[in-house]
Amino acid sequence: MATTFHHARVRWRGGSDGDLRAHTIELAEQRLAASSAPEFGGDAALADPEELFVASLSSCHMLWFLALARHEGIGVTSYADEAEGEMDGRRFARVTLRPRVAFDAEIDSERVDSLHNRAHRRCFVANSVACPVEVEWRD
């Protein structure tokens, strides 16, 4: 596979009003208002780096899952994840993905398990992090 490059622009403007941690993250043509996590004095209404890290893992897993299902002719009608990252105070100790997937036909659990396992092995982000990433897909 060829080397690829991925970009993000982060901008902060100094000032004395409001949240001193507030900044903007630009990804492609989108802008996201962000701050630090509320536990670190940030604004809970804004995205924070820790949430973005967890979201990145969840999104990568989902995209691989959907691609593998499509390749096998499996119709997915919905996919939702309630992912959670656990930090030990200094670093992520683990991230747990909890995907819930609906299909357009009955799919046996072994096949769904295989899709999740293969998606997890292919996820670029999960392959790049030091903490364990667990996938709990069963209801």
N, C-alpha and C. Protein backbone atom coordinates (compact mmCIF):
# COMPACT_ATOMS: atom_id res chain seq x y z
N MET A 1 0.84 -1.18 0.00
CA MET A 1 0.00 0.00 0.00
C MET A 1 0.89 1.24 0.00
N ALA A 2 0.51 2.22 -0.75
CA ALA A 2 1.27 3.46 -0.89
C ALA A 2 1.17 4.30 0.39
N THR A 3 2.17 5.10 0.61
CA THR A 3 2.13 6.04 1.73
C THR A 3 1.08 7.10 1.45
N THR A 4 0.28 7.41 2.44
CA THR A 4 -0.73 8.47 2.31
C THR A 4 -0.51 9.49 3.42
N PHE A 5 -1.01 10.68 3.22
CA PHE A 5 -0.88 11.74 4.20
C PHE A 5 -2.26 12.27 4.55
N HIS A 6 -2.46 12.59 5.81
CA HIS A 6 -3.77 13.04 6.30
C HIS A 6 -3.55 14.30 7.13
N HIS A 7 -4.42 15.28 6.94
CA HIS A 7 -4.18 16.59 7.52
C HIS A 7 -5.33 17.05 8.40
N ALA A 8 -4.97 17.83 9.39
CA ALA A 8 -5.94 18.54 10.22
C ALA A 8 -5.32 19.90 10.55
N ARG A 9 -6.16 20.89 10.60
CA ARG A 9 -5.69 22.23 10.97
C ARG A 9 -6.35 22.58 12.29
N VAL A 10 -5.55 22.99 13.25
CA VAL A 10 -6.05 23.39 14.56
C VAL A 10 -5.68 24.84 14.77
N ARG A 11 -6.67 25.65 15.16
CA ARG A 11 -6.44 27.08 15.34
C ARG A 11 -6.95 27.53 16.71
N TRP A 12 -6.13 28.31 17.38
CA TRP A 12 -6.49 28.91 18.67
C TRP A 12 -6.18 30.38 18.59
N ARG A 13 -7.08 31.18 19.10
CA ARG A 13 -6.85 32.63 19.16
C ARG A 13 -6.86 33.04 20.62
N GLY A 14 -5.82 33.70 21.03
CA GLY A 14 -5.72 34.15 22.42
C GLY A 14 -6.79 35.15 22.78
N GLY A 15 -7.01 35.31 24.04
CA GLY A 15 -7.99 36.26 24.53
C GLY A 15 -8.26 36.01 25.99
N SER A 16 -8.94 36.91 26.60
CA SER A 16 -9.19 36.77 28.04
C SER A 16 -10.64 36.43 28.34
N ASP A 17 -11.48 36.36 27.32
CA ASP A 17 -12.90 36.09 27.53
C ASP A 17 -13.20 34.61 27.38
N GLY A 18 -14.07 34.11 28.23
CA GLY A 18 -14.60 32.75 28.05
C GLY A 18 -13.57 31.66 28.24
N ASP A 19 -13.74 30.61 27.50
CA ASP A 19 -12.92 29.40 27.59
C ASP A 19 -11.57 29.61 26.91
N LEU A 20 -10.52 29.68 27.68
CA LEU A 20 -9.18 29.89 27.13
C LEU A 20 -8.68 28.66 26.37
N ARG A 21 -9.40 27.55 26.49
CA ARG A 21 -8.99 26.32 25.81
C ARG A 21 -9.73 26.14 24.48
N ALA A 22 -10.69 27.02 24.20
CA ALA A 22 -11.51 26.90 22.99
C ALA A 22 -10.64 27.06 21.74
N HIS A 23 -10.89 26.22 20.76
CA HIS A 23 -10.16 26.26 19.50
C HIS A 23 -11.04 25.68 18.40
N THR A 24 -10.55 25.76 17.18
CA THR A 24 -11.28 25.23 16.04
C THR A 24 -10.42 24.17 15.36
N ILE A 25 -11.05 23.07 14.99
CA ILE A 25 -10.39 22.01 14.25
C ILE A 25 -10.99 21.99 12.86
N GLU A 26 -10.14 22.08 11.86
CA GLU A 26 -10.61 22.05 10.47
C GLU A 26 -10.18 20.73 9.84
N LEU A 27 -11.17 19.99 9.37
CA LEU A 27 -10.96 18.70 8.72
C LEU A 27 -11.66 18.76 7.37
N ALA A 28 -10.91 18.67 6.30
CA ALA A 28 -11.47 18.83 4.94
C ALA A 28 -12.18 20.18 4.89
N GLU A 29 -13.46 20.18 4.53
CA GLU A 29 -14.22 21.43 4.43
C GLU A 29 -15.06 21.71 5.68
N GLN A 30 -14.79 20.98 6.76
CA GLN A 30 -15.60 21.12 7.97
C GLN A 30 -14.82 21.80 9.08
N ARG A 31 -15.54 22.52 9.90
CA ARG A 31 -14.95 23.15 11.09
C ARG A 31 -15.68 22.63 12.32
N LEU A 32 -14.90 22.30 13.33
CA LEU A 32 -15.44 21.76 14.56
C LEU A 32 -14.95 22.60 15.72
N ALA A 33 -15.89 23.13 16.49
CA ALA A 33 -15.53 23.88 17.70
C ALA A 33 -15.09 22.88 18.75
N ALA A 34 -13.97 23.16 19.40
CA ALA A 34 -13.42 22.21 20.36
C ALA A 34 -12.86 22.94 21.58
N SER A 35 -12.61 22.15 22.60
CA SER A 35 -12.03 22.64 23.85
C SER A 35 -11.31 21.45 24.47
N SER A 36 -10.84 21.61 25.68
CA SER A 36 -10.34 20.44 26.40
C SER A 36 -11.54 19.77 27.08
N ALA A 37 -11.34 18.57 27.57
CA ALA A 37 -12.40 17.85 28.26
C ALA A 37 -12.82 18.64 29.50
N PRO A 38 -14.08 18.53 29.91
CA PRO A 38 -14.54 19.28 31.08
C PRO A 38 -13.73 18.93 32.34
N GLU A 39 -13.24 17.70 32.42
CA GLU A 39 -12.43 17.29 33.58
C GLU A 39 -11.13 18.08 33.67
N PHE A 40 -10.75 18.70 32.55
CA PHE A 40 -9.51 19.47 32.49
C PHE A 40 -9.80 20.96 32.29
N GLY A 41 -11.01 21.38 32.65
CA GLY A 41 -11.37 22.78 32.60
C GLY A 41 -11.99 23.26 31.32
N GLY A 42 -12.28 22.36 30.40
CA GLY A 42 -12.86 22.74 29.11
C GLY A 42 -14.36 22.85 29.13
N ASP A 43 -14.91 23.20 28.00
CA ASP A 43 -16.34 23.39 27.81
C ASP A 43 -16.97 22.06 27.40
N ALA A 44 -17.87 21.55 28.22
CA ALA A 44 -18.51 20.25 27.96
C ALA A 44 -19.37 20.26 26.70
N ALA A 45 -19.75 21.44 26.23
CA ALA A 45 -20.58 21.54 25.03
C ALA A 45 -19.77 21.40 23.74
N LEU A 46 -18.44 21.41 23.86
CA LEU A 46 -17.57 21.32 22.69
C LEU A 46 -16.85 19.99 22.65
N ALA A 47 -16.47 19.58 21.45
CA ALA A 47 -15.70 18.34 21.28
C ALA A 47 -14.34 18.51 21.95
N ASP A 48 -13.78 17.41 22.42
CA ASP A 48 -12.44 17.46 23.00
C ASP A 48 -11.55 16.39 22.36
N PRO A 49 -10.23 16.49 22.50
CA PRO A 49 -9.33 15.54 21.83
C PRO A 49 -9.58 14.09 22.22
N GLU A 50 -9.95 13.86 23.46
CA GLU A 50 -10.20 12.49 23.91
C GLU A 50 -11.42 11.90 23.20
N GLU A 51 -12.48 12.70 23.06
CA GLU A 51 -13.66 12.24 22.33
C GLU A 51 -13.33 11.99 20.87
N LEU A 52 -12.53 12.86 20.28
CA LEU A 52 -12.15 12.69 18.88
C LEU A 52 -11.33 11.41 18.68
N PHE A 53 -10.49 11.08 19.63
CA PHE A 53 -9.71 9.84 19.57
C PHE A 53 -10.64 8.63 19.55
N VAL A 54 -11.59 8.60 20.48
CA VAL A 54 -12.56 7.49 20.56
C VAL A 54 -13.40 7.44 19.29
N ALA A 55 -13.85 8.60 18.81
CA ALA A 55 -14.65 8.65 17.59
C ALA A 55 -13.87 8.14 16.39
N SER A 56 -12.59 8.45 16.33
CA SER A 56 -11.76 7.99 15.22
C SER A 56 -11.69 6.47 15.19
N LEU A 57 -11.51 5.85 16.33
CA LEU A 57 -11.48 4.39 16.39
C LEU A 57 -12.82 3.79 15.97
N SER A 58 -13.90 4.38 16.46
CA SER A 58 -15.24 3.89 16.13
C SER A 58 -15.54 4.03 14.64
N SER A 59 -15.23 5.19 14.09
CA SER A 59 -15.49 5.45 12.67
C SER A 59 -14.69 4.51 11.78
N CYS A 60 -13.42 4.31 12.09
CA CYS A 60 -12.56 3.44 11.29
C CYS A 60 -13.10 2.00 11.29
N HIS A 61 -13.48 1.51 12.48
CA HIS A 61 -14.03 0.15 12.58
C HIS A 61 -15.31 0.04 11.75
N MET A 62 -16.20 1.02 11.89
CA MET A 62 -17.46 0.99 11.15
C MET A 62 -17.23 0.97 9.65
N LEU A 63 -16.34 1.82 9.16
CA LEU A 63 -16.10 1.88 7.72
C LEU A 63 -15.57 0.56 7.18
N TRP A 64 -14.68 -0.09 7.92
CA TRP A 64 -14.19 -1.40 7.49
C TRP A 64 -15.30 -2.44 7.55
N PHE A 65 -16.10 -2.41 8.62
CA PHE A 65 -17.21 -3.36 8.74
C PHE A 65 -18.15 -3.24 7.55
N LEU A 66 -18.55 -2.00 7.23
CA LEU A 66 -19.47 -1.77 6.12
C LEU A 66 -18.87 -2.21 4.78
N ALA A 67 -17.58 -1.94 4.59
CA ALA A 67 -16.92 -2.33 3.34
C ALA A 67 -16.87 -3.85 3.21
N LEU A 68 -16.54 -4.54 4.28
CA LEU A 68 -16.48 -6.01 4.25
C LEU A 68 -17.87 -6.61 4.02
N ALA A 69 -18.88 -6.06 4.70
CA ALA A 69 -20.24 -6.55 4.52
C ALA A 69 -20.69 -6.34 3.07
N ARG A 70 -20.43 -5.17 2.52
CA ARG A 70 -20.81 -4.87 1.13
C ARG A 70 -20.11 -5.84 0.19
N HIS A 71 -18.82 -6.09 0.42
CA HIS A 71 -18.05 -6.99 -0.43
C HIS A 71 -18.64 -8.41 -0.42
N GLU A 72 -19.21 -8.80 0.72
CA GLU A 72 -19.79 -10.14 0.84
C GLU A 72 -21.28 -10.17 0.48
N GLY A 73 -21.82 -9.04 0.05
CA GLY A 73 -23.22 -9.00 -0.34
C GLY A 73 -24.18 -8.99 0.84
N ILE A 74 -23.70 -8.58 1.99
CA ILE A 74 -24.53 -8.52 3.19
C ILE A 74 -25.11 -7.11 3.29
N GLY A 75 -26.42 -7.00 3.35
CA GLY A 75 -27.08 -5.70 3.43
C GLY A 75 -27.16 -5.21 4.86
N VAL A 76 -26.51 -4.09 5.14
CA VAL A 76 -26.58 -3.45 6.45
C VAL A 76 -27.57 -2.30 6.34
N THR A 77 -28.57 -2.28 7.25
CA THR A 77 -29.57 -1.22 7.21
C THR A 77 -29.29 -0.11 8.22
N SER A 78 -28.54 -0.41 9.26
CA SER A 78 -28.14 0.63 10.21
C SER A 78 -26.95 0.15 11.03
N TYR A 79 -26.19 1.13 11.51
CA TYR A 79 -25.01 0.86 12.33
C TYR A 79 -24.90 2.01 13.32
N ALA A 80 -24.82 1.70 14.59
CA ALA A 80 -24.66 2.71 15.63
C ALA A 80 -23.66 2.18 16.66
N ASP A 81 -22.85 3.06 17.19
CA ASP A 81 -21.85 2.65 18.17
C ASP A 81 -21.89 3.61 19.35
N GLU A 82 -21.84 3.07 20.54
CA GLU A 82 -21.72 3.85 21.78
C GLU A 82 -20.33 3.56 22.33
N ALA A 83 -19.32 4.09 21.67
CA ALA A 83 -17.93 3.83 22.03
C ALA A 83 -17.55 4.60 23.30
N GLU A 84 -16.61 4.03 24.04
CA GLU A 84 -16.17 4.65 25.29
C GLU A 84 -14.67 4.43 25.48
N GLY A 85 -13.98 5.49 25.84
CA GLY A 85 -12.57 5.40 26.15
C GLY A 85 -12.35 5.58 27.63
N GLU A 86 -11.50 4.76 28.20
CA GLU A 86 -11.18 4.84 29.63
C GLU A 86 -9.73 5.30 29.78
N MET A 87 -9.55 6.38 30.53
CA MET A 87 -8.21 6.89 30.77
C MET A 87 -7.81 6.61 32.21
N ASP A 88 -6.52 6.39 32.43
CA ASP A 88 -6.04 6.13 33.78
C ASP A 88 -5.46 7.39 34.43
N GLY A 89 -5.71 8.53 33.83
CA GLY A 89 -5.18 9.78 34.35
C GLY A 89 -4.06 10.34 33.51
N ARG A 90 -3.35 9.47 32.80
CA ARG A 90 -2.25 9.90 31.95
C ARG A 90 -2.39 9.46 30.51
N ARG A 91 -3.11 8.38 30.30
CA ARG A 91 -3.22 7.82 28.94
C ARG A 91 -4.48 6.97 28.88
N PHE A 92 -4.83 6.60 27.66
CA PHE A 92 -5.97 5.70 27.49
C PHE A 92 -5.58 4.30 27.94
N ALA A 93 -6.38 3.74 28.82
CA ALA A 93 -6.15 2.37 29.29
C ALA A 93 -6.84 1.37 28.35
N ARG A 94 -7.95 1.81 27.74
CA ARG A 94 -8.68 0.96 26.79
C ARG A 94 -9.76 1.78 26.12
N VAL A 95 -10.16 1.30 24.97
CA VAL A 95 -11.33 1.85 24.27
C VAL A 95 -12.23 0.67 23.97
N THR A 96 -13.50 0.84 24.27
CA THR A 96 -14.48 -0.21 24.00
C THR A 96 -15.48 0.30 22.97
N LEU A 97 -15.58 -0.44 21.88
CA LEU A 97 -16.57 -0.15 20.85
C LEU A 97 -17.77 -1.04 21.12
N ARG A 98 -18.97 -0.48 20.99
CA ARG A 98 -20.20 -1.23 21.23
C ARG A 98 -21.14 -1.08 20.04
N PRO A 99 -20.72 -1.59 18.88
CA PRO A 99 -21.57 -1.41 17.69
C PRO A 99 -22.83 -2.26 17.76
N ARG A 100 -23.91 -1.66 17.26
CA ARG A 100 -25.19 -2.35 17.08
C ARG A 100 -25.52 -2.23 15.60
N VAL A 101 -25.65 -3.37 14.96
CA VAL A 101 -25.83 -3.40 13.52
C VAL A 101 -27.14 -4.10 13.19
N ALA A 102 -27.88 -3.53 12.25
CA ALA A 102 -29.10 -4.17 11.74
C ALA A 102 -28.86 -4.54 10.29
N PHE A 103 -29.37 -5.70 9.92
CA PHE A 103 -29.18 -6.23 8.56
C PHE A 103 -30.53 -6.36 7.88
N ASP A 104 -30.50 -6.44 6.55
CA ASP A 104 -31.75 -6.60 5.81
C ASP A 104 -32.20 -8.05 5.72
N ALA A 105 -31.41 -8.96 6.28
CA ALA A 105 -31.77 -10.38 6.34
C ALA A 105 -31.13 -10.97 7.60
N GLU A 106 -31.55 -12.16 7.96
CA GLU A 106 -30.99 -12.84 9.14
C GLU A 106 -29.53 -13.22 8.87
N ILE A 107 -28.64 -12.84 9.77
CA ILE A 107 -27.21 -13.15 9.66
C ILE A 107 -26.81 -13.90 10.92
N ASP A 108 -26.14 -15.04 10.76
CA ASP A 108 -25.75 -15.80 11.95
C ASP A 108 -24.62 -15.09 12.70
N SER A 109 -24.57 -15.33 14.00
CA SER A 109 -23.64 -14.60 14.87
C SER A 109 -22.17 -14.87 14.52
N GLU A 110 -21.87 -16.08 14.02
CA GLU A 110 -20.48 -16.36 13.63
C GLU A 110 -20.03 -15.46 12.48
N ARG A 111 -20.93 -15.20 11.56
CA ARG A 111 -20.59 -14.35 10.42
C ARG A 111 -20.42 -12.89 10.86
N VAL A 112 -21.28 -12.43 11.75
CA VAL A 112 -21.15 -11.07 12.28
C VAL A 112 -19.85 -10.95 13.07
N ASP A 113 -19.54 -11.96 13.86
CA ASP A 113 -18.30 -11.96 14.64
C ASP A 113 -17.09 -11.90 13.70
N SER A 114 -17.14 -12.65 12.62
CA SER A 114 -16.07 -12.63 11.64
C SER A 114 -15.91 -11.25 11.01
N LEU A 115 -17.01 -10.61 10.67
CA LEU A 115 -16.96 -9.26 10.10
C LEU A 115 -16.30 -8.28 11.08
N HIS A 116 -16.71 -8.35 12.34
CA HIS A 116 -16.12 -7.45 13.34
C HIS A 116 -14.64 -7.74 13.56
N ASN A 117 -14.28 -9.00 13.62
CA ASN A 117 -12.87 -9.36 13.82
C ASN A 117 -12.01 -8.88 12.66
N ARG A 118 -12.48 -9.08 11.45
CA ARG A 118 -11.72 -8.65 10.27
C ARG A 118 -11.67 -7.13 10.17
N ALA A 119 -12.78 -6.47 10.51
CA ALA A 119 -12.78 -5.00 10.50
C ALA A 119 -11.78 -4.47 11.53
N HIS A 120 -11.75 -5.09 12.68
CA HIS A 120 -10.82 -4.67 13.73
C HIS A 120 -9.36 -4.84 13.28
N ARG A 121 -9.06 -5.96 12.66
CA ARG A 121 -7.69 -6.20 12.19
C ARG A 121 -7.28 -5.23 11.08
N ARG A 122 -8.23 -4.76 10.30
CA ARG A 122 -7.91 -3.87 9.18
C ARG A 122 -7.93 -2.38 9.56
N CYS A 123 -8.52 -2.05 10.69
CA CYS A 123 -8.67 -0.64 11.08
C CYS A 123 -7.29 -0.01 11.29
N PHE A 124 -6.99 0.99 10.44
CA PHE A 124 -5.69 1.67 10.51
C PHE A 124 -5.47 2.32 11.87
N VAL A 125 -6.50 2.92 12.42
CA VAL A 125 -6.35 3.64 13.68
C VAL A 125 -6.10 2.65 14.82
N ALA A 126 -6.89 1.58 14.89
CA ALA A 126 -6.69 0.59 15.96
C ALA A 126 -5.31 -0.05 15.87
N ASN A 127 -4.80 -0.20 14.65
CA ASN A 127 -3.46 -0.77 14.48
C ASN A 127 -2.35 0.20 14.87
N SER A 128 -2.70 1.43 15.16
CA SER A 128 -1.71 2.47 15.45
C SER A 128 -1.65 2.89 16.90
N VAL A 129 -2.54 2.39 17.73
CA VAL A 129 -2.60 2.86 19.11
C VAL A 129 -2.01 1.82 20.07
N ALA A 130 -1.57 2.32 21.23
CA ALA A 130 -0.94 1.45 22.23
C ALA A 130 -1.96 0.79 23.15
N CYS A 131 -3.11 1.40 23.35
CA CYS A 131 -4.09 0.83 24.27
C CYS A 131 -4.92 -0.24 23.57
N PRO A 132 -5.46 -1.18 24.34
CA PRO A 132 -6.34 -2.18 23.74
C PRO A 132 -7.64 -1.54 23.25
N VAL A 133 -8.13 -2.04 22.12
CA VAL A 133 -9.42 -1.62 21.58
C VAL A 133 -10.27 -2.89 21.53
N GLU A 134 -11.33 -2.88 22.34
CA GLU A 134 -12.20 -4.04 22.43
C GLU A 134 -13.50 -3.78 21.68
N VAL A 135 -14.05 -4.85 21.09
CA VAL A 135 -15.30 -4.72 20.35
C VAL A 135 -16.33 -5.62 21.03
N GLU A 136 -17.36 -5.00 21.61
CA GLU A 136 -18.46 -5.73 22.25
C GLU A 136 -19.70 -5.55 21.40
N TRP A 137 -19.95 -6.47 20.51
CA TRP A 137 -21.04 -6.29 19.57
C TRP A 137 -22.32 -7.02 19.94
N ARG A 138 -22.25 -7.95 20.83
CA ARG A 138 -23.46 -8.73 21.16
C ARG A 138 -24.39 -7.93 22.04
N ASP A 139 -25.69 -8.08 21.80
CA ASP A 139 -26.70 -7.38 22.63
C ASP A 139 -26.84 -8.04 23.99
